[in-house]
C-alpha atoms as a PDB file:
ATOM      1  CA  MET A   1     -11.956  17.087 -27.634  1.00  0.00           C
ATOM      2  CA  GLU A   2     -10.592  14.675 -29.962  1.00  0.00           C
ATOM      3  CA  MET A   3     -12.948  12.728 -32.916  1.00  0.00           C
ATOM      4  CA  ILE A   4     -12.459   9.683 -32.806  1.00  0.00           C
ATOM      5  CA  CYS A   5     -14.616   9.141 -36.734  1.00  0.00           C
ATOM      6  CA  LYS A   6     -17.056  10.433 -38.898  1.00  0.00           C
ATOM      7  CA  THR A   7     -20.638   9.655 -38.584  1.00  0.00           C
ATOM      8  CA  GLU A   8     -20.512   8.922 -42.453  1.00  0.00           C
ATOM      9  CA  GLN A   9     -17.529   6.599 -42.303  1.00  0.00           C
ATOM     10  CA  VAL A  10     -20.199   3.892 -40.092  1.00  0.00           C
ATOM     11  CA  ASP A  11     -22.948   2.641 -41.853  1.00  0.00           C
ATOM     12  CA  GLU A  12     -26.561   1.375 -40.211  1.00  0.00           C
ATOM     13  CA  ARG A  13     -25.617  -2.018 -38.594  1.00  0.00           C
ATOM     14  CA  ASP A  14     -22.061  -2.430 -39.229  1.00  0.00           C
ATOM     15  CA  ALA A  15     -18.556  -1.296 -37.442  1.00  0.00           C
ATOM     16  CA  ARG A  16     -15.409   0.059 -38.160  1.00  0.00           C
ATOM     17  CA  SER A  17     -12.153  -0.007 -36.197  1.00  0.00           C
ATOM     18  CA  PHE A  18      -9.835   3.328 -35.782  1.00  0.00           C
ATOM     19  CA  ASP A  19      -6.648   3.800 -34.056  1.00  0.00           C
ATOM     20  CA  THR A  20      -6.693   6.599 -31.788  1.00  0.00           C
ATOM     21  CA  PRO A  21      -4.374   7.619 -28.661  1.00  0.00           C
ATOM     22  CA  LYS A  22      -5.985   5.737 -26.233  1.00  0.00           C
ATOM     23  CA  GLY A  23      -5.617   2.221 -28.900  1.00  0.00           C
ATOM     24  CA  GLU A  24      -8.234   0.770 -31.813  1.00  0.00           C
ATOM     25  CA  VAL A  25     -11.485   1.748 -31.544  1.00  0.00           C
ATOM     26  CA  ILE A  26     -14.400  -0.219 -32.526  1.00  0.00           C
ATOM     27  CA  VAL A  27     -17.621   2.222 -33.568  1.00  0.00           C
ATOM     28  CA  THR A  28     -20.838   0.832 -34.543  1.00  0.00           C
ATOM     29  CA  GLN A  29     -24.673   2.261 -35.228  1.00  0.00           C
ATOM     30  CA  ARG A  30     -27.756   0.758 -34.189  1.00  0.00           C
ATOM     31  CA  ASP A  31     -30.605   3.075 -34.954  1.00  0.00           C
ATOM     32  CA  GLY A  32     -28.988   5.642 -35.681  1.00  0.00           C
ATOM     33  CA  MET A  33     -27.259   5.390 -32.409  1.00  0.00           C
ATOM     34  CA  PHE A  34     -23.582   5.170 -32.259  1.00  0.00           C
ATOM     35  CA  TYR A  35     -21.247   3.196 -29.566  1.00  0.00           C
ATOM     36  CA  ALA A  36     -17.889   2.587 -29.603  1.00  0.00           C
ATOM     37  CA  TYR A  37     -15.575  -0.029 -27.446  1.00  0.00           C
ATOM     38  CA  LEU A  38     -11.920  -1.004 -27.034  1.00  0.00           C
ATOM     39  CA  ASN A  39     -11.151  -3.325 -30.139  1.00  0.00           C
ATOM     40  CA  HIS A  40      -9.771  -6.048 -27.324  1.00  0.00           C
ATOM     41  CA  CYS A  41     -12.185  -9.809 -26.262  1.00  0.00           C
ATOM     42  CA  PRO A  42     -12.480 -10.078 -22.728  1.00  0.00           C
ATOM     43  CA  HIS A  43     -11.941 -13.856 -22.896  1.00  0.00           C
ATOM     44  CA  LEU A  44      -8.953 -14.442 -25.684  1.00  0.00           C
ATOM     45  CA  GLY A  45      -6.768 -10.627 -25.052  1.00  0.00           C
ATOM     46  CA  VAL A  46      -7.079 -10.390 -28.727  1.00  0.00           C
ATOM     47  CA  SER A  47      -8.808  -8.443 -31.827  1.00  0.00           C
ATOM     48  CA  LEU A  48     -12.098  -9.264 -32.107  1.00  0.00           C
ATOM     49  CA  GLU A  49     -12.235  -9.446 -36.325  1.00  0.00           C
ATOM     50  CA  PHE A  50      -9.686 -11.990 -38.552  1.00  0.00           C
ATOM     51  CA  GLN A  51     -10.634  -9.603 -42.008  1.00  0.00           C
ATOM     52  CA  GLU A  52     -10.344  -5.555 -41.305  1.00  0.00           C
ATOM     53  CA  ASN A  53     -13.373  -4.270 -40.566  1.00  0.00           C
ATOM     54  CA  GLN A  54     -14.901  -7.447 -39.769  1.00  0.00           C
ATOM     55  CA  PHE A  55     -17.030  -6.836 -36.686  1.00  0.00           C
ATOM     56  CA  MET A  56     -20.878  -7.704 -36.923  1.00  0.00           C
ATOM     57  CA  ASP A  57     -22.579 -10.968 -37.534  1.00  0.00           C
ATOM     58  CA  MET A  58     -23.776 -12.485 -41.137  1.00  0.00           C
ATOM     59  CA  ASP A  59     -27.376 -11.251 -39.548  1.00  0.00           C
ATOM     60  CA  ARG A  60     -25.657  -7.937 -38.605  1.00  0.00           C
ATOM     61  CA  GLU A  61     -27.538  -8.470 -34.833  1.00  0.00           C
ATOM     62  CA  PHE A  62     -23.945  -8.911 -32.910  1.00  0.00           C
ATOM     63  CA  LEU A  63     -20.677  -7.708 -33.083  1.00  0.00           C
ATOM     64  CA  ILE A  64     -19.128 -10.994 -33.099  1.00  0.00           C
ATOM     65  CA  CYS A  65     -15.623 -12.221 -32.470  1.00  0.00           C
ATOM     66  CA  ALA A  66     -13.612 -13.984 -34.971  1.00  0.00           C
ATOM     67  CA  ASN A  67     -11.680 -15.994 -32.864  1.00  0.00           C
ATOM     68  CA  HIS A  68     -14.241 -18.203 -31.320  1.00  0.00           C
ATOM     69  CA  GLY A  69     -17.377 -16.540 -32.185  1.00  0.00           C
ATOM     70  CA  ALA A  70     -18.437 -14.845 -29.197  1.00  0.00           C
ATOM     71  CA  LEU A  71     -21.520 -12.346 -29.683  1.00  0.00           C
ATOM     72  CA  PHE A  72     -22.272  -9.323 -28.246  1.00  0.00           C
ATOM     73  CA  GLN A  73     -25.088  -6.864 -27.857  1.00  0.00           C
ATOM     74  CA  VAL A  74     -24.505  -3.705 -29.786  1.00  0.00           C
ATOM     75  CA  GLU A  75     -26.222  -1.441 -27.102  1.00  0.00           C
ATOM     76  CA  ASP A  76     -23.892  -2.371 -24.173  1.00  0.00           C
ATOM     77  CA  GLY A  77     -21.353  -4.832 -25.142  1.00  0.00           C
ATOM     78  CA  LEU A  78     -22.630  -7.612 -23.103  1.00  0.00           C
ATOM     79  CA  CYS A  79     -21.375 -11.076 -24.511  1.00  0.00           C
ATOM     80  CA  VAL A  80     -24.786 -13.235 -24.654  1.00  0.00           C
ATOM     81  CA  PHE A  81     -22.626 -16.179 -26.380  1.00  0.00           C
ATOM     82  CA  GLY A  82     -19.615 -17.766 -26.322  1.00  0.00           C
ATOM     83  CA  PRO A  83     -17.003 -19.015 -23.744  1.00  0.00           C
ATOM     84  CA  CYS A  84     -16.707 -14.996 -21.918  1.00  0.00           C
ATOM     85  CA  LYS A  85     -20.794 -15.001 -21.599  1.00  0.00           C
ATOM     86  CA  GLY A  86     -21.789 -12.763 -19.191  1.00  0.00           C
ATOM     87  CA  GLN A  87     -18.516 -10.901 -19.501  1.00  0.00           C
ATOM     88  CA  ALA A  88     -18.273  -7.984 -21.903  1.00  0.00           C
ATOM     89  CA  LEU A  89     -16.631  -5.576 -24.122  1.00  0.00           C
ATOM     90  CA  THR A  90     -14.645  -2.307 -22.613  1.00  0.00           C
ATOM     91  CA  LYS A  91     -17.580   0.564 -23.378  1.00  0.00           C
ATOM     92  CA  ILE A  92     -15.920   3.937 -24.716  1.00  0.00           C
ATOM     93  CA  ASP A  93     -17.780   7.082 -23.462  1.00  0.00           C
ATOM     94  CA  ILE A  94     -18.627   8.798 -26.523  1.00  0.00           C
ATOM     95  CA  GLU A  95     -20.188  11.896 -28.266  1.00  0.00           C
ATOM     96  CA  VAL A  96     -21.675  12.222 -31.504  1.00  0.00           C
ATOM     97  CA  HIS A  97     -21.951  15.738 -32.403  1.00  0.00           C
ATOM     98  CA  SER A  98     -24.072  17.927 -34.995  1.00  0.00           C
ATOM     99  CA  ASP A  99     -21.438  18.387 -37.362  1.00  0.00           C
ATOM    100  CA  GLY A 100     -20.621  14.369 -38.090  1.00  0.00           C
ATOM    101  CA  GLY A 101     -17.907  14.054 -35.711  1.00  0.00           C
ATOM    102  CA  VAL A 102     -17.928  11.220 -33.115  1.00  0.00           C
ATOM    103  CA  PHE A 103     -15.883  12.030 -30.255  1.00  0.00           C
ATOM    104  CA  PHE A 104     -14.457  11.051 -26.932  1.00  0.00           C
ATOM    105  CA  ARG A 105     -16.915  12.156 -23.935  1.00  0.00           C
ATOM    106  CA  ALA A 106     -14.002  14.684 -21.872  1.00  0.00           C
END
Protein backbone atom coordinates (compact mmCIF):
# COMPACT_ATOMS: atom_id res chain seq x y z
CA MET A 1 0.00 0.00 0.00
CA GLU A 2 1.11 3.51 -0.76
CA MET A 3 0.89 6.12 1.98
CA ILE A 4 -0.44 9.59 1.13
CA CYS A 5 0.18 11.28 4.50
CA LYS A 6 -0.11 10.94 8.27
CA THR A 7 -3.34 11.90 10.02
CA GLU A 8 -1.56 14.51 12.16
CA GLN A 9 -0.72 16.47 8.98
CA VAL A 10 -4.41 17.33 8.42
CA ASP A 11 -6.24 19.19 11.18
CA GLU A 12 -9.96 18.91 11.84
CA ARG A 13 -12.00 21.07 9.39
CA ASP A 14 -8.91 21.67 7.27
CA ALA A 15 -7.41 20.26 4.08
CA ARG A 16 -3.88 19.75 2.72
CA SER A 17 -2.53 18.65 -0.64
CA PHE A 18 0.06 15.96 -1.18
CA ASP A 19 1.99 15.05 -4.33
CA THR A 20 1.58 11.39 -5.16
CA PRO A 21 2.34 9.21 -8.19
CA LYS A 22 -1.43 9.36 -8.90
CA GLY A 23 -1.39 13.18 -8.95
CA GLU A 24 -1.92 15.91 -6.41
CA VAL A 25 -4.36 14.69 -3.77
CA ILE A 26 -6.33 16.81 -1.27
CA VAL A 27 -6.88 15.15 2.12
CA THR A 28 -9.45 16.73 4.43
CA GLN A 29 -10.83 15.88 7.86
CA ARG A 30 -14.36 16.33 9.19
CA ASP A 31 -15.57 14.98 12.54
CA GLY A 32 -12.58 12.63 12.77
CA MET A 33 -13.20 11.12 9.32
CA PHE A 34 -10.76 11.59 6.44
CA TYR A 35 -11.68 12.17 2.79
CA ALA A 36 -9.47 12.52 -0.29
CA TYR A 37 -9.95 14.02 -3.76
CA LEU A 38 -7.83 14.84 -6.77
CA ASN A 39 -6.86 18.53 -6.70
CA HIS A 40 -8.70 19.18 -9.95
CA CYS A 41 -11.73 21.45 -10.43
CA PRO A 42 -14.41 19.72 -12.55
CA HIS A 43 -15.34 23.07 -14.13
CA LEU A 44 -11.99 24.59 -15.12
CA GLY A 45 -9.67 21.60 -14.83
CA VAL A 46 -7.22 23.52 -12.62
CA SER A 47 -6.03 23.19 -9.01
CA LEU A 48 -8.56 24.45 -6.47
CA GLU A 49 -6.28 26.79 -4.51
CA PHE A 50 -4.48 30.05 -5.36
CA GLN A 51 -2.33 29.86 -2.22
CA GLU A 52 -0.74 26.64 -1.05
CA ASN A 53 -3.09 24.51 1.06
CA GLN A 54 -5.92 27.07 1.08
CA PHE A 55 -8.82 24.75 0.28
CA MET A 56 -11.50 25.64 2.84
CA ASP A 57 -14.06 28.45 2.70
CA MET A 58 -14.01 31.11 5.44
CA ASP A 59 -16.40 29.11 7.66
CA ARG A 60 -14.35 25.93 7.12
CA GLU A 61 -17.53 24.18 6.01
CA PHE A 62 -16.80 23.51 2.31
CA LEU A 63 -13.85 22.93 0.01
CA ILE A 64 -13.69 25.93 -2.32
CA CYS A 65 -12.31 26.53 -5.78
CA ALA A 66 -10.47 29.84 -5.50
CA ASN A 67 -10.74 30.34 -9.27
CA HIS A 68 -14.51 30.78 -9.39
CA GLY A 69 -15.90 30.23 -5.87
CA ALA A 70 -17.49 26.82 -6.35
CA LEU A 71 -18.22 25.08 -3.04
CA PHE A 72 -17.81 21.32 -2.60
CA GLN A 73 -19.11 19.19 0.27
CA VAL A 74 -16.30 17.65 2.29
CA GLU A 75 -17.98 14.26 2.70
CA ASP A 76 -18.61 13.47 -0.98
CA GLY A 77 -17.00 16.22 -3.10
CA LEU A 78 -20.35 17.28 -4.60
CA CYS A 79 -20.49 20.87 -5.86
CA VAL A 80 -23.38 22.65 -4.13
CA PHE A 81 -22.68 26.18 -5.40
CA GLY A 82 -21.06 27.62 -8.49
CA PRO A 83 -20.82 26.95 -12.22
CA CYS A 84 -20.18 23.23 -11.74
CA LYS A 85 -23.15 22.66 -9.39
CA GLY A 86 -24.14 19.01 -9.46
CA GLN A 87 -20.68 17.86 -10.57
CA ALA A 88 -18.14 16.49 -8.08
CA LEU A 89 -14.48 16.33 -7.29
CA THR A 90 -12.82 13.01 -8.17
CA LYS A 91 -12.90 10.93 -4.99
CA ILE A 92 -9.87 8.91 -3.95
CA ASP A 93 -10.59 5.76 -1.96
CA ILE A 94 -8.43 5.75 1.16
CA GLU A 95 -7.82 3.72 4.31
CA VAL A 96 -6.74 5.20 7.62
CA HIS A 97 -4.58 2.78 9.59
CA SER A 98 -4.20 2.58 13.34
CA ASP A 99 -0.62 3.85 13.04
CA GLY A 100 -1.99 7.17 11.70
CA GLY A 101 -1.17 6.55 8.05
CA VAL A 102 -3.58 7.56 5.29
CA PHE A 103 -3.18 5.14 2.38
CA PHE A 104 -4.60 4.65 -1.08
CA ARG A 105 -7.12 1.79 -0.86
CA ALA A 106 -5.87 -1.20 -2.80
